[in-house]
C-alpha atoms as a PDB file:
ATOM      1  CA  UNK A   1      -0.443  -1.214 -20.895  1.00  0.00           C
ATOM      2  CA  UNK A   2       3.074  -0.187 -21.634  1.00  0.00           C
ATOM      3  CA  UNK A   3       3.559   3.259 -22.901  1.00  0.00           C
ATOM      4  CA  UNK A   4       7.715   2.658 -23.519  1.00  0.00           C
ATOM      5  CA  UNK A   5      10.033   2.613 -26.335  1.00  0.00           C
ATOM      6  CA  UNK A   6      13.838   2.110 -26.257  1.00  0.00           C
ATOM      7  CA  UNK A   7      14.299  -0.070 -22.826  1.00  0.00           C
ATOM      8  CA  UNK A   8      17.790   0.764 -21.414  1.00  0.00           C
ATOM      9  CA  UNK A   9      19.704  -2.269 -22.473  1.00  0.00           C
ATOM     10  CA  UNK A  10      19.982  -3.228 -18.454  1.00  0.00           C
ATOM     11  CA  UNK A  11      16.440  -3.936 -18.429  1.00  0.00           C
ATOM     12  CA  UNK A  12      15.941  -7.892 -18.769  1.00  0.00           C
ATOM     13  CA  UNK A  13      12.406  -7.763 -18.142  1.00  0.00           C
ATOM     14  CA  UNK A  14       9.510  -7.209 -15.367  1.00  0.00           C
ATOM     15  CA  UNK A  15       8.170  -8.482 -11.831  1.00  0.00           C
ATOM     16  CA  UNK A  16       5.997  -8.323  -9.389  1.00  0.00           C
ATOM     17  CA  UNK A  17       6.964  -8.090  -5.965  1.00  0.00           C
ATOM     18  CA  UNK A  18       5.197  -7.772  -2.733  1.00  0.00           C
ATOM     19  CA  UNK A  19       5.404  -6.945   0.799  1.00  0.00           C
ATOM     20  CA  UNK A  20       3.024  -6.299   3.955  1.00  0.00           C
ATOM     21  CA  UNK A  21       1.688  -2.853   3.895  1.00  0.00           C
ATOM     22  CA  UNK A  22       1.741  -1.044   8.089  1.00  0.00           C
ATOM     23  CA  UNK A  23       5.842  -3.071   8.671  1.00  0.00           C
ATOM     24  CA  UNK A  24       8.302  -1.075   6.508  1.00  0.00           C
ATOM     25  CA  UNK A  25       9.655  -4.880   5.540  1.00  0.00           C
ATOM     26  CA  UNK A  26      11.460  -5.403   2.488  1.00  0.00           C
ATOM     27  CA  UNK A  27       9.768  -5.723  -0.756  1.00  0.00           C
ATOM     28  CA  UNK A  28       9.861  -9.908  -2.088  1.00  0.00           C
ATOM     29  CA  UNK A  29      10.095 -10.915  -5.599  1.00  0.00           C
ATOM     30  CA  UNK A  30       8.108 -13.556  -6.393  1.00  0.00           C
ATOM     31  CA  UNK A  31       7.619 -14.368  -9.478  1.00  0.00           C
ATOM     32  CA  UNK A  32      10.148 -15.078 -12.961  1.00  0.00           C
ATOM     33  CA  UNK A  33      11.068 -12.281 -15.202  1.00  0.00           C
ATOM     34  CA  UNK A  34       8.971 -11.764 -17.587  1.00  0.00           C
ATOM     35  CA  UNK A  35      10.704 -10.267 -20.940  1.00  0.00           C
ATOM     36  CA  UNK A  36       8.520  -6.654 -22.071  1.00  0.00           C
ATOM     37  CA  UNK A  37       5.594  -6.245 -24.060  1.00  0.00           C
ATOM     38  CA  UNK A  38       5.281  -3.954 -27.370  1.00  0.00           C
ATOM     39  CA  UNK A  39       5.074  -0.504 -26.155  1.00  0.00           C
ATOM     40  CA  UNK A  40       0.942   0.220 -26.559  1.00  0.00           C
ATOM     41  CA  UNK A  41       0.512  -3.781 -26.173  1.00  0.00           C
ATOM     42  CA  UNK A  42      -1.088  -5.092 -23.100  1.00  0.00           C
ATOM     43  CA  UNK A  43       0.627  -7.212 -19.485  1.00  0.00           C
ATOM     44  CA  UNK A  44      -1.768  -8.961 -17.181  1.00  0.00           C
ATOM     45  CA  UNK A  45      -0.509 -11.154 -14.130  1.00  0.00           C
ATOM     46  CA  UNK A  46      -2.923 -13.106 -11.362  1.00  0.00           C
ATOM     47  CA  UNK A  47      -1.559 -13.547  -8.439  1.00  0.00           C
ATOM     48  CA  UNK A  48      -2.923 -16.802  -7.079  1.00  0.00           C
ATOM     49  CA  UNK A  49      -0.506 -17.366  -4.092  1.00  0.00           C
ATOM     50  CA  UNK A  50      -1.465 -15.400  -1.307  1.00  0.00           C
ATOM     51  CA  UNK A  51       0.204 -15.141   1.559  1.00  0.00           C
ATOM     52  CA  UNK A  52       0.053 -13.748   5.535  1.00  0.00           C
ATOM     53  CA  UNK A  53      -3.879 -14.270   5.601  1.00  0.00           C
ATOM     54  CA  UNK A  54      -4.096 -11.649   8.694  1.00  0.00           C
ATOM     55  CA  UNK A  55      -1.685  -9.157   6.826  1.00  0.00           C
ATOM     56  CA  UNK A  56      -2.449  -6.576   3.693  1.00  0.00           C
ATOM     57  CA  UNK A  57      -0.230  -6.938   0.900  1.00  0.00           C
ATOM     58  CA  UNK A  58       1.289  -4.229  -1.441  1.00  0.00           C
ATOM     59  CA  UNK A  59       1.748  -5.976  -4.792  1.00  0.00           C
ATOM     60  CA  UNK A  60       4.175  -4.056  -7.376  1.00  0.00           C
ATOM     61  CA  UNK A  61       5.684  -4.424 -10.817  1.00  0.00           C
ATOM     62  CA  UNK A  62       9.515  -3.642 -10.564  1.00  0.00           C
ATOM     63  CA  UNK A  63      11.659  -3.688 -13.508  1.00  0.00           C
ATOM     64  CA  UNK A  64      14.533  -6.758 -13.341  1.00  0.00           C
ATOM     65  CA  UNK A  65      18.445  -5.233 -14.386  1.00  0.00           C
ATOM     66  CA  UNK A  66      21.122  -7.267 -15.744  1.00  0.00           C
ATOM     67  CA  UNK A  67      22.900  -6.759 -12.142  1.00  0.00           C
ATOM     68  CA  UNK A  68      20.034  -8.645 -10.277  1.00  0.00           C
ATOM     69  CA  UNK A  69      18.644  -5.299  -8.976  1.00  0.00           C
ATOM     70  CA  UNK A  70      15.090  -4.716  -8.964  1.00  0.00           C
ATOM     71  CA  UNK A  71      14.158  -1.096  -9.666  1.00  0.00           C
ATOM     72  CA  UNK A  72      10.945   1.009  -9.312  1.00  0.00           C
ATOM     73  CA  UNK A  73       9.989   1.407 -12.833  1.00  0.00           C
ATOM     74  CA  UNK A  74       9.556   5.280 -13.848  1.00  0.00           C
ATOM     75  CA  UNK A  75       5.943   6.610 -14.016  1.00  0.00           C
ATOM     76  CA  UNK A  76       6.100   7.129 -17.493  1.00  0.00           C
ATOM     77  CA  UNK A  77       6.326   3.428 -18.678  1.00  0.00           C
ATOM     78  CA  UNK A  78       2.339   3.427 -18.891  1.00  0.00           C
ATOM     79  CA  UNK A  79      -0.116   4.617 -19.913  1.00  0.00           C
ATOM     80  CA  UNK A  80      -2.292   6.792 -17.943  1.00  0.00           C
ATOM     81  CA  UNK A  81      -5.235   4.003 -17.314  1.00  0.00           C
ATOM     82  CA  UNK A  82      -3.298   1.407 -16.537  1.00  0.00           C
ATOM     83  CA  UNK A  83      -2.361   0.159 -12.551  1.00  0.00           C
ATOM     84  CA  UNK A  84       1.094  -0.467 -11.574  1.00  0.00           C
ATOM     85  CA  UNK A  85       0.931  -0.771  -7.755  1.00  0.00           C
ATOM     86  CA  UNK A  86      -2.484  -2.183  -6.460  1.00  0.00           C
ATOM     87  CA  UNK A  87      -3.016  -3.542  -2.467  1.00  0.00           C
ATOM     88  CA  UNK A  88      -4.868  -6.700  -2.138  1.00  0.00           C
ATOM     89  CA  UNK A  89      -6.367  -7.008   2.048  1.00  0.00           C
ATOM     90  CA  UNK A  90      -7.450 -10.871   2.858  1.00  0.00           C
ATOM     91  CA  UNK A  91      -9.987  -8.320   5.038  1.00  0.00           C
ATOM     92  CA  UNK A  92      -8.074  -8.781   8.301  1.00  0.00           C
ATOM     93  CA  UNK A  93      -5.188  -6.322   8.700  1.00  0.00           C
ATOM     94  CA  UNK A  94      -6.482  -2.426   7.622  1.00  0.00           C
ATOM     95  CA  UNK A  95      -4.563  -0.879   4.056  1.00  0.00           C
ATOM     96  CA  UNK A  96      -3.750   2.579   5.805  1.00  0.00           C
ATOM     97  CA  UNK A  97      -3.955   4.540   8.759  1.00  0.00           C
ATOM     98  CA  UNK A  98      -4.812   8.306   8.402  1.00  0.00           C
ATOM     99  CA  UNK A  99      -6.582  10.950   8.436  1.00  0.00           C
ATOM    100  CA  UNK A 100      -8.633  12.203   5.942  1.00  0.00           C
ATOM    101  CA  UNK A 101      -9.975  15.318   4.526  1.00  0.00           C
ATOM    102  CA  UNK A 102     -13.441  16.279   2.694  1.00  0.00           C
ATOM    103  CA  UNK A 103     -12.117  18.370  -1.041  1.00  0.00           C
ATOM    104  CA  UNK A 104     -15.725  18.785  -2.616  1.00  0.00           C
ATOM    105  CA  UNK A 105     -15.528  15.888  -5.123  1.00  0.00           C
ATOM    106  CA  UNK A 106     -13.992  13.317  -2.663  1.00  0.00           C
ATOM    107  CA  UNK A 107     -11.979  12.742   0.300  1.00  0.00           C
ATOM    108  CA  UNK A 108      -8.021  13.514   0.565  1.00  0.00           C
ATOM    109  CA  UNK A 109      -6.172  11.238   2.920  1.00  0.00           C
ATOM    110  CA  UNK A 110      -3.250  12.194   5.005  1.00  0.00           C
ATOM    111  CA  UNK A 111      -1.170   8.798   5.411  1.00  0.00           C
ATOM    112  CA  UNK A 112       0.463   8.648   9.344  1.00  0.00           C
ATOM    113  CA  UNK A 113       4.241   8.344   8.641  1.00  0.00           C
ATOM    114  CA  UNK A 114       6.997   6.382   9.688  1.00  0.00           C
ATOM    115  CA  UNK A 115       5.187   3.169   9.380  1.00  0.00           C
ATOM    116  CA  UNK A 116       5.058   2.351   5.711  1.00  0.00           C
ATOM    117  CA  UNK A 117       1.129   2.535   5.106  1.00  0.00           C
ATOM    118  CA  UNK A 118      -0.290   1.987   2.192  1.00  0.00           C
ATOM    119  CA  UNK A 119       0.292   5.882  -0.050  1.00  0.00           C
ATOM    120  CA  UNK A 120      -3.495   6.186  -0.932  1.00  0.00           C
ATOM    121  CA  UNK A 121      -4.072   9.805  -2.105  1.00  0.00           C
ATOM    122  CA  UNK A 122      -8.046  10.459  -2.125  1.00  0.00           C
ATOM    123  CA  UNK A 123     -10.656   8.311  -1.713  1.00  0.00           C
ATOM    124  CA  UNK A 124     -13.936   9.234  -4.492  1.00  0.00           C
ATOM    125  CA  UNK A 125     -16.607   6.779  -2.333  1.00  0.00           C
ATOM    126  CA  UNK A 126     -16.135   6.924   1.260  1.00  0.00           C
ATOM    127  CA  UNK A 127     -19.378   5.355   2.946  1.00  0.00           C
ATOM    128  CA  UNK A 128     -21.698   7.319   4.692  1.00  0.00           C
ATOM    129  CA  UNK A 129     -20.748   6.286   8.402  1.00  0.00           C
ATOM    130  CA  UNK A 130     -17.018   7.791   7.775  1.00  0.00           C
ATOM    131  CA  UNK A 131     -17.956  10.864   5.873  1.00  0.00           C
ATOM    132  CA  UNK A 132     -17.978  12.671   9.548  1.00  0.00           C
ATOM    133  CA  UNK A 133     -14.361  12.088  10.683  1.00  0.00           C
ATOM    134  CA  UNK A 134     -13.332  14.512   7.504  1.00  0.00           C
ATOM    135  CA  UNK A 135     -11.297  17.505   8.603  1.00  0.00           C
ATOM    136  CA  UNK A 136     -11.537  16.281  12.731  1.00  0.00           C
ATOM    137  CA  UNK A 137      -8.426  15.306  12.539  1.00  0.00           C
ATOM    138  CA  UNK A 138      -9.481  11.635  13.631  1.00  0.00           C
ATOM    139  CA  UNK A 139      -7.045   8.830  13.045  1.00  0.00           C
ATOM    140  CA  UNK A 140      -8.867   6.307  11.072  1.00  0.00           C
ATOM    141  CA  UNK A 141      -7.720   2.571  10.180  1.00  0.00           C
ATOM    142  CA  UNK A 142      -8.679   2.017   7.185  1.00  0.00           C
ATOM    143  CA  UNK A 143      -9.490  -1.264   5.132  1.00  0.00           C
ATOM    144  CA  UNK A 144     -10.344  -2.432   1.720  1.00  0.00           C
ATOM    145  CA  UNK A 145      -8.173  -1.152  -1.504  1.00  0.00           C
ATOM    146  CA  UNK A 146      -5.850   1.029  -3.323  1.00  0.00           C
ATOM    147  CA  UNK A 147      -4.960   1.131  -6.937  1.00  0.00           C
ATOM    148  CA  UNK A 148      -2.273   3.294  -8.149  1.00  0.00           C
ATOM    149  CA  UNK A 149      -1.686   4.451 -11.069  1.00  0.00           C
ATOM    150  CA  UNK A 150      -4.196   7.166 -12.103  1.00  0.00           C
ATOM    151  CA  UNK A 151      -3.155  11.181 -12.383  1.00  0.00           C
ATOM    152  CA  UNK A 152      -3.998  12.154  -9.550  1.00  0.00           C
ATOM    153  CA  UNK A 153      -2.398   9.478  -7.496  1.00  0.00           C
ATOM    154  CA  UNK A 154      -3.687   6.489  -5.544  1.00  0.00           C
ATOM    155  CA  UNK A 155      -7.219   5.742  -4.726  1.00  0.00           C
ATOM    156  CA  UNK A 156      -8.821   3.873  -2.003  1.00  0.00           C
ATOM    157  CA  UNK A 157     -11.829   1.807  -1.900  1.00  0.00           C
ATOM    158  CA  UNK A 158     -13.330   1.360   1.998  1.00  0.00           C
ATOM    159  CA  UNK A 159     -15.085  -1.099   2.898  1.00  0.00           C
ATOM    160  CA  UNK A 160     -14.915  -0.110   6.511  1.00  0.00           C
ATOM    161  CA  UNK A 161     -12.522   2.547   8.641  1.00  0.00           C
ATOM    162  CA  UNK A 162     -12.031   2.368  12.923  1.00  0.00           C
ATOM    163  CA  UNK A 163     -10.997   5.229  15.086  1.00  0.00           C
ATOM    164  CA  UNK A 164      -7.595   5.134  16.285  1.00  0.00           C
ATOM    165  CA  UNK A 165      -6.234   6.648  19.136  1.00  0.00           C
ATOM    166  CA  UNK A 166      -3.419   8.181  16.439  1.00  0.00           C
ATOM    167  CA  UNK A 167      -1.003   7.460  14.532  1.00  0.00           C
ATOM    168  CA  UNK A 168       1.488   5.389  16.404  1.00  0.00           C
ATOM    169  CA  UNK A 169       0.637   1.936  17.469  1.00  0.00           C
ATOM    170  CA  UNK A 170      -0.618   1.036  20.607  1.00  0.00           C
ATOM    171  CA  UNK A 171       2.616   0.220  23.190  1.00  0.00           C
ATOM    172  CA  UNK A 172       1.975  -3.369  24.883  1.00  0.00           C
ATOM    173  CA  UNK A 173       1.354  -3.324  28.769  1.00  0.00           C
ATOM    174  CA  UNK A 174       2.139  -5.712  31.000  1.00  0.00           C
ATOM    175  CA  UNK A 175      -0.303  -6.239  34.445  1.00  0.00           C
ATOM    176  CA  UNK A 176       2.224  -5.886  37.279  1.00  0.00           C
ATOM    177  CA  UNK A 177       1.924  -6.291  41.213  1.00  0.00           C
ATOM    178  CA  UNK A 178       3.369  -3.903  44.027  1.00  0.00           C
ATOM    179  CA  UNK A 179       5.713  -7.378  44.928  1.00  0.00           C
ATOM    180  CA  UNK A 180       7.019  -7.571  41.406  1.00  0.00           C
ATOM    181  CA  UNK A 181       7.762  -3.663  41.365  1.00  0.00           C
ATOM    182  CA  UNK A 182       9.965  -3.585  44.242  1.00  0.00           C
ATOM    183  CA  UNK A 183      12.161  -6.849  43.452  1.00  0.00           C
ATOM    184  CA  UNK A 184      13.068  -5.156  40.146  1.00  0.00           C
ATOM    185  CA  UNK A 185      14.821  -2.759  41.804  1.00  0.00           C
ATOM    186  CA  UNK A 186      16.581  -4.628  44.702  1.00  0.00           C
END
């Protein structure tokens, strides 16, 4: 639900944009500009043109301005129960890479910096097989979905997770022979 009165004159409407999680790629606007609904009313957009079926995609609402720019909406533009940022995964790529900490009523998520991973802040229903990783410092790739817009931040729904060596991506290595190494230094 929209919770805003008196949109600035240079706001023309809203759009949906997407990016690939974990890649730091630019946001791609893929819808036309929609008119703002009245304050207190609901708006729904159904995404049917999912792309990159081997990637996790992040979708968000952005504001279209009269200058042709797209900006992130202020947080107070939506009622508390609205989801203004959602992550969709097709099951192959991780949604976020992070460590977790048990906070009693759920698990706090510490997202790895530097790779534009989905910014989940907590997990309220972590499958039992992953609860033992809490407070160990073990980095995990999480699969599932993330919804943002709640007062607590972004909630991660985990379908499964995999331990990884650390926050950085693995460095690809090519096998070599002693003859090939010597040839590079001649």
